[in-house]
Structure formats: structure tokens, C-alpha cells
Amino acid sequence: MISMDDVAVKAKVSKATVSRVLNGKTIVSPNAREKVIAACNDLNYKLNFNIQDLVLKSRTGSTRNIAFVMAGKEFADPAYAHLIDGVSSAINKFHYHLMLVKISGNETSNFYLKEYGLITHLPRNNPS
């Protein structure tokens, strides 16, 4: 597996410079940026967003994951599929990741979602 260290060696820059380029920081010279991007392309290197999320969570207590929770509905329904596609496209622009979660809607499932940090707040059911 190719790492940022490998990219740094190939580009002849520091690992910190590789990190800055891959994370979109602007404090990198255009020459260094070009070297890093060329090295990434040559090595077919791509960021592992799961590892980035673990690091982010350890630093800030939050991640870049957004859970789309459906209770008692089908993701394959064309109306929901179109909605999910739109949400996914919008959040990907900001480097967030969409997790699809389907539950039956009972309290046990809601407890599971809260327990594992998928959601922090559940709306109250309003009986009609």
C-alpha cells in the first residue's frame, strides 16, 4: 500500500508538504504542489478518508460523516434514491461522507443509533 511517505520521497518534499497539498492548504509553493500531485498520479495514491476521519475525531471529537437515516422506507424507491443522490453530491463537495442507515423505526433501533454515535438527537414522534 502506498503511503504519504512514499509520495514525499518521490516528490522530494517533506511529508508535511504532502499533507498540506492533499488537504488543500494554500501555504505550499506552486512548484511543490505540482511535484506532489505528479507523484500522487504516478503512484496512484489517494487519501484514505476513513483514516482521516479517525484522526479528525481524535483531535476534535467530530467526524466528516453524515448519516441519512430512513425508518421503514426503501432506499431503492426512486423518490428517495434521487434525494439521496442530491444529498451525497452536495456533501461530497465539502469532503463529507454519507452513511445510509435503514431502521424499522422501533426504539431498539433508535437506541442503537444513539449508542454508536450515528446520531445525537432523535426527533420526537408526533402521533397524528
N, C-alpha and C. Protein backbone atom coordinates (compact mmCIF):
# COMPACT_ATOMS: atom_id res chain seq x y z
N MET A 1 0.85 -1.18 0.00
CA MET A 1 0.00 0.00 0.00
C MET A 1 0.90 1.25 0.00
N ILE A 2 0.58 2.17 -0.85
CA ILE A 2 1.34 3.41 -0.98
C ILE A 2 0.95 4.36 0.16
N SER A 3 1.93 5.02 0.75
CA SER A 3 1.66 5.95 1.85
C SER A 3 2.10 7.36 1.48
N MET A 4 1.80 8.31 2.36
CA MET A 4 2.24 9.69 2.15
C MET A 4 3.75 9.78 2.18
N ASP A 5 4.39 8.90 2.94
CA ASP A 5 5.86 8.86 2.96
C ASP A 5 6.41 8.56 1.57
N ASP A 6 5.78 7.60 0.88
CA ASP A 6 6.21 7.24 -0.48
C ASP A 6 6.05 8.42 -1.43
N VAL A 7 4.93 9.12 -1.29
CA VAL A 7 4.68 10.30 -2.14
C VAL A 7 5.74 11.37 -1.86
N ALA A 8 6.06 11.59 -0.58
CA ALA A 8 7.06 12.60 -0.19
C ALA A 8 8.42 12.26 -0.79
N VAL A 9 8.82 11.00 -0.72
CA VAL A 9 10.12 10.58 -1.28
C VAL A 9 10.14 10.81 -2.78
N LYS A 10 9.07 10.39 -3.47
CA LYS A 10 9.02 10.54 -4.93
C LYS A 10 9.02 12.01 -5.34
N ALA A 11 8.30 12.85 -4.59
CA ALA A 11 8.20 14.28 -4.93
C ALA A 11 9.39 15.08 -4.41
N LYS A 12 10.21 14.44 -3.56
CA LYS A 12 11.36 15.11 -2.94
C LYS A 12 10.94 16.32 -2.12
N VAL A 13 9.88 16.09 -1.31
CA VAL A 13 9.39 17.10 -0.38
C VAL A 13 9.14 16.41 0.96
N SER A 14 8.79 17.18 1.98
CA SER A 14 8.51 16.58 3.28
C SER A 14 7.10 15.98 3.31
N LYS A 15 6.89 15.10 4.27
CA LYS A 15 5.57 14.51 4.46
C LYS A 15 4.55 15.60 4.81
N ALA A 16 5.00 16.62 5.56
CA ALA A 16 4.12 17.73 5.92
C ALA A 16 3.65 18.48 4.68
N THR A 17 4.55 18.63 3.70
CA THR A 17 4.16 19.30 2.45
C THR A 17 3.13 18.48 1.71
N VAL A 18 3.33 17.17 1.66
CA VAL A 18 2.36 16.29 1.01
C VAL A 18 1.00 16.45 1.70
N SER A 19 1.00 16.43 3.01
CA SER A 19 -0.24 16.57 3.77
C SER A 19 -0.93 17.90 3.46
N ARG A 20 -0.15 18.97 3.42
CA ARG A 20 -0.72 20.29 3.12
C ARG A 20 -1.36 20.33 1.74
N VAL A 21 -0.67 19.76 0.76
CA VAL A 21 -1.21 19.75 -0.61
C VAL A 21 -2.51 18.94 -0.66
N LEU A 22 -2.48 17.75 -0.09
CA LEU A 22 -3.65 16.87 -0.16
C LEU A 22 -4.84 17.39 0.63
N ASN A 23 -4.57 18.23 1.62
CA ASN A 23 -5.65 18.80 2.41
C ASN A 23 -6.05 20.20 1.95
N GLY A 24 -5.52 20.62 0.79
CA GLY A 24 -5.94 21.87 0.19
C GLY A 24 -5.40 23.13 0.83
N LYS A 25 -4.34 23.02 1.61
CA LYS A 25 -3.76 24.21 2.24
C LYS A 25 -3.08 25.07 1.17
N THR A 26 -3.13 26.37 1.36
CA THR A 26 -2.59 27.29 0.35
C THR A 26 -1.16 27.74 0.63
N ILE A 27 -0.59 27.29 1.73
CA ILE A 27 0.76 27.76 2.10
C ILE A 27 1.87 26.93 1.46
N VAL A 28 1.56 26.30 0.33
CA VAL A 28 2.54 25.47 -0.38
C VAL A 28 2.88 26.16 -1.70
N SER A 29 4.14 26.15 -2.05
CA SER A 29 4.54 26.79 -3.31
C SER A 29 3.95 26.03 -4.49
N PRO A 30 3.68 26.74 -5.59
CA PRO A 30 3.14 26.07 -6.78
C PRO A 30 4.04 24.94 -7.28
N ASN A 31 5.35 25.13 -7.19
CA ASN A 31 6.29 24.10 -7.63
C ASN A 31 6.14 22.82 -6.78
N ALA A 32 6.10 22.98 -5.47
CA ALA A 32 5.94 21.83 -4.58
C ALA A 32 4.60 21.15 -4.80
N ARG A 33 3.55 21.96 -4.98
CA ARG A 33 2.21 21.41 -5.24
C ARG A 33 2.22 20.55 -6.49
N GLU A 34 2.84 21.05 -7.55
CA GLU A 34 2.91 20.28 -8.81
C GLU A 34 3.66 18.97 -8.62
N LYS A 35 4.76 19.01 -7.87
CA LYS A 35 5.55 17.80 -7.61
C LYS A 35 4.72 16.75 -6.86
N VAL A 36 4.00 17.20 -5.85
CA VAL A 36 3.19 16.28 -5.04
C VAL A 36 2.07 15.68 -5.88
N ILE A 37 1.39 16.50 -6.65
CA ILE A 37 0.29 16.00 -7.48
C ILE A 37 0.83 15.01 -8.52
N ALA A 38 1.97 15.32 -9.11
CA ALA A 38 2.57 14.41 -10.09
C ALA A 38 2.95 13.08 -9.43
N ALA A 39 3.53 13.15 -8.23
CA ALA A 39 3.91 11.93 -7.51
C ALA A 39 2.68 11.10 -7.15
N CYS A 40 1.61 11.76 -6.72
CA CYS A 40 0.36 11.06 -6.40
C CYS A 40 -0.17 10.35 -7.64
N ASN A 41 -0.16 11.04 -8.77
CA ASN A 41 -0.64 10.44 -10.01
C ASN A 41 0.24 9.26 -10.42
N ASP A 42 1.56 9.43 -10.35
CA ASP A 42 2.48 8.35 -10.73
C ASP A 42 2.29 7.11 -9.85
N LEU A 43 2.09 7.35 -8.56
CA LEU A 43 1.95 6.23 -7.62
C LEU A 43 0.51 5.76 -7.44
N ASN A 44 -0.42 6.46 -8.10
CA ASN A 44 -1.86 6.18 -7.96
C ASN A 44 -2.28 6.26 -6.48
N TYR A 45 -1.79 7.31 -5.80
CA TYR A 45 -2.09 7.49 -4.39
C TYR A 45 -3.36 8.31 -4.21
N LYS A 46 -4.21 7.84 -3.30
CA LYS A 46 -5.42 8.58 -2.95
C LYS A 46 -5.54 8.58 -1.43
N LEU A 47 -6.07 9.66 -0.89
CA LEU A 47 -6.26 9.76 0.55
C LEU A 47 -7.24 8.70 1.03
N ASN A 48 -6.97 8.13 2.19
CA ASN A 48 -7.90 7.21 2.83
C ASN A 48 -8.76 8.03 3.79
N PHE A 49 -10.00 8.30 3.38
CA PHE A 49 -10.86 9.17 4.17
C PHE A 49 -11.25 8.55 5.51
N ASN A 50 -11.25 7.22 5.60
CA ASN A 50 -11.56 6.60 6.90
C ASN A 50 -10.47 6.91 7.92
N ILE A 51 -9.22 6.85 7.49
CA ILE A 51 -8.12 7.18 8.40
C ILE A 51 -8.16 8.66 8.75
N GLN A 52 -8.44 9.51 7.77
CA GLN A 52 -8.54 10.95 8.06
C GLN A 52 -9.63 11.23 9.08
N ASP A 53 -10.76 10.52 8.98
CA ASP A 53 -11.84 10.72 9.93
C ASP A 53 -11.44 10.29 11.34
N LEU A 54 -10.68 9.19 11.45
CA LEU A 54 -10.23 8.76 12.77
C LEU A 54 -9.31 9.80 13.39
N VAL A 55 -8.43 10.37 12.60
CA VAL A 55 -7.53 11.41 13.10
C VAL A 55 -8.33 12.64 13.51
N LEU A 56 -9.26 13.05 12.66
CA LEU A 56 -10.10 14.21 12.96
C LEU A 56 -10.90 13.99 14.25
N LYS A 57 -11.46 12.80 14.40
CA LYS A 57 -12.24 12.52 15.61
C LYS A 57 -11.36 12.55 16.86
N SER A 58 -10.13 12.06 16.74
CA SER A 58 -9.25 12.07 17.90
C SER A 58 -8.86 13.50 18.29
N ARG A 59 -8.82 14.40 17.33
CA ARG A 59 -8.43 15.79 17.60
C ARG A 59 -9.59 16.67 18.03
N THR A 60 -10.73 16.49 17.36
CA THR A 60 -11.84 17.43 17.56
C THR A 60 -13.09 16.80 18.18
N GLY A 61 -13.15 15.49 18.19
CA GLY A 61 -14.35 14.82 18.70
C GLY A 61 -15.46 14.70 17.68
N SER A 62 -15.20 15.13 16.44
CA SER A 62 -16.22 15.03 15.40
C SER A 62 -15.62 14.38 14.15
N THR A 63 -16.48 13.97 13.25
CA THR A 63 -16.03 13.36 12.00
C THR A 63 -16.68 14.07 10.83
N ARG A 64 -16.38 13.61 9.65
CA ARG A 64 -16.98 14.16 8.43
C ARG A 64 -18.04 13.21 7.88
N ASN A 65 -18.65 12.44 8.76
CA ASN A 65 -19.69 11.51 8.35
C ASN A 65 -21.06 12.11 8.63
N ILE A 66 -21.96 11.90 7.70
CA ILE A 66 -23.35 12.30 7.89
C ILE A 66 -24.20 11.06 7.63
N ALA A 67 -25.04 10.72 8.60
CA ALA A 67 -25.91 9.56 8.46
C ALA A 67 -27.25 10.01 7.90
N PHE A 68 -27.68 9.32 6.87
CA PHE A 68 -29.00 9.52 6.30
C PHE A 68 -29.82 8.34 6.79
N VAL A 69 -30.70 8.58 7.74
CA VAL A 69 -31.45 7.50 8.38
C VAL A 69 -32.84 7.42 7.79
N MET A 70 -33.19 6.23 7.34
CA MET A 70 -34.54 6.01 6.80
C MET A 70 -35.23 5.00 7.70
N ALA A 71 -36.40 5.37 8.18
CA ALA A 71 -37.18 4.47 9.03
C ALA A 71 -38.37 3.95 8.25
N GLY A 72 -38.36 2.64 8.02
CA GLY A 72 -39.49 1.99 7.36
C GLY A 72 -39.66 2.32 5.89
N LYS A 73 -38.65 2.82 5.23
CA LYS A 73 -38.72 3.15 3.80
C LYS A 73 -37.64 2.39 3.05
N GLU A 74 -37.73 2.37 1.73
CA GLU A 74 -36.76 1.68 0.89
C GLU A 74 -35.85 2.69 0.20
N PHE A 75 -34.53 2.46 0.28
CA PHE A 75 -33.59 3.34 -0.41
C PHE A 75 -33.78 3.27 -1.92
N ALA A 76 -34.26 2.13 -2.41
CA ALA A 76 -34.41 1.93 -3.86
C ALA A 76 -35.60 2.69 -4.44
N ASP A 77 -36.49 3.18 -3.62
CA ASP A 77 -37.62 3.96 -4.11
C ASP A 77 -37.07 5.14 -4.90
N PRO A 78 -37.52 5.34 -6.15
CA PRO A 78 -36.95 6.40 -6.99
C PRO A 78 -36.95 7.79 -6.35
N ALA A 79 -37.97 8.11 -5.59
CA ALA A 79 -38.02 9.43 -4.95
C ALA A 79 -36.89 9.58 -3.93
N TYR A 80 -36.67 8.55 -3.14
CA TYR A 80 -35.61 8.61 -2.13
C TYR A 80 -34.23 8.48 -2.77
N ALA A 81 -34.13 7.65 -3.80
CA ALA A 81 -32.84 7.49 -4.49
C ALA A 81 -32.38 8.84 -5.06
N HIS A 82 -33.30 9.59 -5.65
CA HIS A 82 -32.97 10.90 -6.21
C HIS A 82 -32.55 11.87 -5.09
N LEU A 83 -33.26 11.84 -3.99
CA LEU A 83 -32.94 12.69 -2.84
C LEU A 83 -31.56 12.35 -2.28
N ILE A 84 -31.30 11.07 -2.10
CA ILE A 84 -30.02 10.62 -1.56
C ILE A 84 -28.88 11.01 -2.49
N ASP A 85 -29.10 10.88 -3.79
CA ASP A 85 -28.08 11.27 -4.77
C ASP A 85 -27.76 12.76 -4.65
N GLY A 86 -28.79 13.58 -4.48
CA GLY A 86 -28.58 15.02 -4.33
C GLY A 86 -27.85 15.37 -3.05
N VAL A 87 -28.23 14.74 -1.95
CA VAL A 87 -27.56 14.98 -0.67
C VAL A 87 -26.10 14.56 -0.77
N SER A 88 -25.86 13.39 -1.35
CA SER A 88 -24.49 12.88 -1.48
C SER A 88 -23.63 13.82 -2.31
N SER A 89 -24.15 14.28 -3.43
CA SER A 89 -23.39 15.21 -4.28
C SER A 89 -23.05 16.50 -3.54
N ALA A 90 -24.01 17.01 -2.79
CA ALA A 90 -23.80 18.27 -2.07
C ALA A 90 -22.75 18.12 -0.97
N ILE A 91 -22.84 17.07 -0.19
CA ILE A 91 -21.90 16.94 0.92
C ILE A 91 -20.51 16.51 0.47
N ASN A 92 -20.42 15.80 -0.65
CA ASN A 92 -19.10 15.41 -1.16
C ASN A 92 -18.27 16.62 -1.56
N LYS A 93 -18.91 17.69 -1.97
CA LYS A 93 -18.19 18.92 -2.33
C LYS A 93 -17.42 19.49 -1.14
N PHE A 94 -17.90 19.18 0.06
CA PHE A 94 -17.27 19.68 1.28
C PHE A 94 -16.48 18.58 2.00
N HIS A 95 -16.20 17.49 1.27
CA HIS A 95 -15.41 16.37 1.78
C HIS A 95 -16.06 15.66 2.96
N TYR A 96 -17.39 15.62 2.95
CA TYR A 96 -18.12 14.83 3.93
C TYR A 96 -18.52 13.51 3.27
N HIS A 97 -18.85 12.53 4.09
CA HIS A 97 -19.20 11.20 3.60
C HIS A 97 -20.60 10.85 4.07
N LEU A 98 -21.36 10.21 3.19
CA LEU A 98 -22.74 9.86 3.50
C LEU A 98 -22.82 8.39 3.90
N MET A 99 -23.42 8.14 5.06
CA MET A 99 -23.69 6.78 5.50
C MET A 99 -25.19 6.57 5.42
N LEU A 100 -25.59 5.50 4.77
CA LEU A 100 -27.01 5.18 4.67
C LEU A 100 -27.37 4.18 5.75
N VAL A 101 -28.40 4.50 6.53
CA VAL A 101 -28.82 3.63 7.62
C VAL A 101 -30.32 3.41 7.49
N LYS A 102 -30.70 2.14 7.45
CA LYS A 102 -32.12 1.80 7.38
C LYS A 102 -32.53 1.15 8.68
N ILE A 103 -33.58 1.67 9.30
CA ILE A 103 -34.09 1.10 10.54
C ILE A 103 -35.58 0.86 10.39
N SER A 104 -36.09 0.04 11.30
CA SER A 104 -37.53 -0.25 11.26
C SER A 104 -38.33 0.86 11.92
N GLY A 105 -37.67 1.66 12.76
CA GLY A 105 -38.36 2.75 13.43
C GLY A 105 -38.69 2.46 14.88
N ASN A 106 -38.33 1.26 15.37
CA ASN A 106 -38.65 0.97 16.77
C ASN A 106 -37.58 1.54 17.70
N GLU A 107 -37.89 1.61 18.97
CA GLU A 107 -37.00 2.23 19.94
C GLU A 107 -35.66 1.52 20.08
N THR A 108 -35.63 0.21 19.85
CA THR A 108 -34.37 -0.53 19.95
C THR A 108 -33.39 -0.02 18.90
N SER A 109 -33.87 0.19 17.68
CA SER A 109 -33.01 0.71 16.62
C SER A 109 -32.54 2.11 16.95
N ASN A 110 -33.43 2.94 17.49
CA ASN A 110 -33.04 4.30 17.85
C ASN A 110 -31.96 4.29 18.92
N PHE A 111 -32.09 3.39 19.91
CA PHE A 111 -31.07 3.29 20.95
C PHE A 111 -29.73 2.90 20.33
N TYR A 112 -29.76 1.96 19.40
CA TYR A 112 -28.53 1.52 18.73
C TYR A 112 -27.85 2.69 18.02
N LEU A 113 -28.61 3.50 17.32
CA LEU A 113 -28.05 4.64 16.59
C LEU A 113 -27.42 5.64 17.55
N LYS A 114 -28.07 5.92 18.65
CA LYS A 114 -27.51 6.86 19.63
C LYS A 114 -26.28 6.25 20.32
N GLU A 115 -26.37 4.99 20.68
CA GLU A 115 -25.29 4.31 21.40
C GLU A 115 -23.99 4.33 20.61
N TYR A 116 -24.07 4.14 19.31
CA TYR A 116 -22.87 4.07 18.48
C TYR A 116 -22.52 5.39 17.80
N GLY A 117 -23.16 6.46 18.24
CA GLY A 117 -22.79 7.79 17.80
C GLY A 117 -23.20 8.14 16.38
N LEU A 118 -24.11 7.38 15.79
CA LEU A 118 -24.54 7.72 14.44
C LEU A 118 -25.41 8.96 14.45
N ILE A 119 -26.17 9.13 15.51
CA ILE A 119 -26.96 10.36 15.65
C ILE A 119 -26.91 10.79 17.11
N THR A 120 -27.06 12.05 17.33
CA THR A 120 -27.03 12.55 18.70
C THR A 120 -28.39 13.05 19.15
N HIS A 121 -29.32 13.19 18.23
CA HIS A 121 -30.64 13.68 18.61
C HIS A 121 -31.68 12.99 17.73
N LEU A 122 -32.72 12.52 18.35
CA LEU A 122 -33.83 11.92 17.62
C LEU A 122 -35.07 12.80 17.79
N PRO A 123 -35.75 13.11 16.68
CA PRO A 123 -36.99 13.89 16.83
C PRO A 123 -38.04 13.05 17.55
N ARG A 124 -38.89 13.72 18.28
CA ARG A 124 -39.98 13.02 18.96
C ARG A 124 -41.03 12.63 17.95
N ASN A 125 -41.63 11.47 18.18
CA ASN A 125 -42.74 11.06 17.32
C ASN A 125 -43.96 11.86 17.69
N ASN A 126 -44.59 12.44 16.70
CA ASN A 126 -45.81 13.20 16.92
C ASN A 126 -46.98 12.35 16.44
N PRO A 127 -47.74 11.79 17.37
CA PRO A 127 -48.87 10.97 16.93
C PRO A 127 -49.89 11.82 16.19
N SER A 128 -50.41 11.27 15.08
CA SER A 128 -51.40 12.04 14.32
C SER A 128 -52.80 11.59 14.61
